[in-house]
Amino acid sequence: MEPIRRIELLRDWRSLINMVLPILRKYGIECYVFGSVVTGRITGSSDIDILLVIESEDPLDIKVRIIEEIEDRFGELAYLFDIKVVNARDRDKPPYTWFLRGAVRIF
């Protein structure tokens, strides 16, 4: 995707989050967006950084499922998302505490 097009899409990151929200809600108990889209420092290489808190013991399996569902449903738009998945018990440990500074809670 061309950097200019990427920036245009990311400026409306809330709409993009709303598109994938049903998928995220299916797996997560909390969801946060952090990084350049939240701070307004979007560049041609930016993405939407998501931290999804889950109850499951296998964050990697959940992450793979989410990415596959987003790719199947939205094609190349899936590459606008960088999803990090964490167990609820690890949410308040580094590096996740760093991700949550200045983050926007989605649910």
Protein backbone atom coordinates (compact mmCIF):
# COMPACT_ATOMS: atom_id res chain seq x y z
CA MET A 1 0.00 0.00 0.00
CA GLU A 2 1.32 3.44 -0.92
CA PRO A 3 2.39 5.55 2.06
CA ILE A 4 0.01 8.42 1.19
CA ARG A 5 -2.95 6.04 0.98
CA ARG A 6 -1.90 4.42 4.26
CA ILE A 7 -1.78 7.81 6.02
CA GLU A 8 -5.24 8.73 4.66
CA LEU A 9 -6.72 5.48 5.97
CA LEU A 10 -5.01 5.71 9.36
CA ARG A 11 -6.27 9.24 9.99
CA ASP A 12 -9.70 7.64 10.33
CA TRP A 13 -8.43 4.85 12.60
CA ARG A 14 -11.63 4.77 14.66
CA SER A 15 -13.62 3.68 11.60
CA LEU A 16 -11.08 0.95 10.89
CA ILE A 17 -11.32 -0.25 14.50
CA ASN A 18 -15.10 -0.33 14.21
CA MET A 19 -14.77 -2.62 11.17
CA VAL A 20 -12.77 -5.22 13.11
CA LEU A 21 -14.49 -4.69 16.46
CA PRO A 22 -16.76 -7.77 16.20
CA ILE A 23 -13.69 -9.97 15.68
CA LEU A 24 -11.80 -8.40 18.59
CA ARG A 25 -14.81 -8.67 20.92
CA LYS A 26 -15.16 -12.37 20.11
CA TYR A 27 -11.76 -13.08 21.69
CA GLY A 28 -10.94 -10.24 24.06
CA ILE A 29 -12.16 -8.89 27.38
CA GLU A 30 -10.35 -5.54 27.00
CA CYS A 31 -9.03 -3.74 23.94
CA TYR A 32 -6.76 -0.70 23.66
CA VAL A 33 -5.30 1.31 20.80
CA PHE A 34 -1.93 2.98 21.34
CA GLY A 35 0.94 4.46 19.37
CA SER A 36 1.15 6.92 16.50
CA VAL A 37 -2.53 6.91 15.52
CA VAL A 38 -3.48 7.93 19.06
CA THR A 39 -0.76 10.58 19.35
CA GLY A 40 -1.45 11.93 15.85
CA ARG A 41 2.10 11.24 14.64
CA ILE A 42 1.08 9.09 11.68
CA THR A 43 3.67 8.34 8.98
CA GLY A 44 3.67 6.24 5.83
CA SER A 45 4.90 3.25 7.84
CA SER A 46 2.47 3.62 10.76
CA ASP A 47 -0.12 1.06 11.72
CA ILE A 48 -2.88 0.71 14.29
CA ASP A 49 -1.31 -0.74 17.42
CA ILE A 50 -3.83 -2.83 19.33
CA LEU A 51 -3.43 -4.49 22.71
CA LEU A 52 -6.06 -7.17 23.25
CA VAL A 53 -6.44 -8.61 26.74
CA ILE A 54 -7.76 -12.18 26.82
CA GLU A 55 -8.64 -14.83 29.39
CA SER A 56 -7.25 -17.69 27.31
CA GLU A 57 -3.92 -19.30 28.14
CA ASP A 58 -2.70 -19.23 24.53
CA PRO A 59 -2.23 -15.65 23.28
CA LEU A 60 -0.34 -16.73 20.16
CA ASP A 61 -3.16 -19.00 19.00
CA ILE A 62 -5.70 -16.21 19.55
CA LYS A 63 -3.52 -13.71 17.67
CA VAL A 64 -3.22 -16.04 14.68
CA ARG A 65 -6.99 -16.59 14.60
CA ILE A 66 -7.70 -12.86 14.75
CA ILE A 67 -5.22 -12.03 12.00
CA GLU A 68 -6.63 -14.79 9.77
CA GLU A 69 -10.19 -13.55 10.29
CA ILE A 70 -9.24 -9.95 9.55
CA GLU A 71 -7.30 -11.00 6.41
CA ASP A 72 -10.18 -13.17 5.19
CA ARG A 73 -12.69 -10.38 5.70
CA PHE A 74 -10.75 -7.24 4.79
CA GLY A 75 -7.85 -8.33 2.60
CA GLU A 76 -4.89 -5.96 2.50
CA LEU A 77 -6.47 -3.67 5.12
CA ALA A 78 -5.35 -6.32 7.61
CA TYR A 79 -1.81 -4.98 7.23
CA LEU A 80 -2.88 -1.73 8.87
CA PHE A 81 -3.17 -3.53 12.22
CA ASP A 82 -0.42 -4.61 14.61
CA ILE A 83 -2.13 -6.75 17.23
CA LYS A 84 -0.54 -7.69 20.53
CA VAL A 85 -2.38 -10.25 22.65
CA VAL A 86 -1.82 -10.70 26.39
CA ASN A 87 -3.34 -12.83 29.15
CA ALA A 88 -5.30 -10.80 31.70
CA ARG A 89 -2.89 -11.84 34.46
CA ASP A 90 0.05 -10.30 32.55
CA ARG A 91 -1.69 -7.06 31.55
CA ASP A 92 -0.08 -5.02 34.32
CA LYS A 93 3.47 -6.21 33.62
CA PRO A 94 6.08 -4.73 31.27
CA PRO A 95 6.01 -4.21 28.33
CA TYR A 96 2.22 -4.03 28.39
CA THR A 97 2.18 -1.27 31.00
CA TRP A 98 4.21 0.82 28.57
CA PHE A 99 1.75 0.15 25.74
CA LEU A 100 -1.14 1.26 27.95
CA ARG A 101 0.37 4.69 28.71
CA GLY A 102 -1.68 7.13 26.66
CA ALA A 103 -3.72 4.32 25.11
CA VAL A 104 -7.38 4.67 24.20
CA ARG A 105 -9.64 1.98 25.64
CA ILE A 106 -12.00 0.60 23.00
CA PHE A 107 -13.81 -1.87 25.30
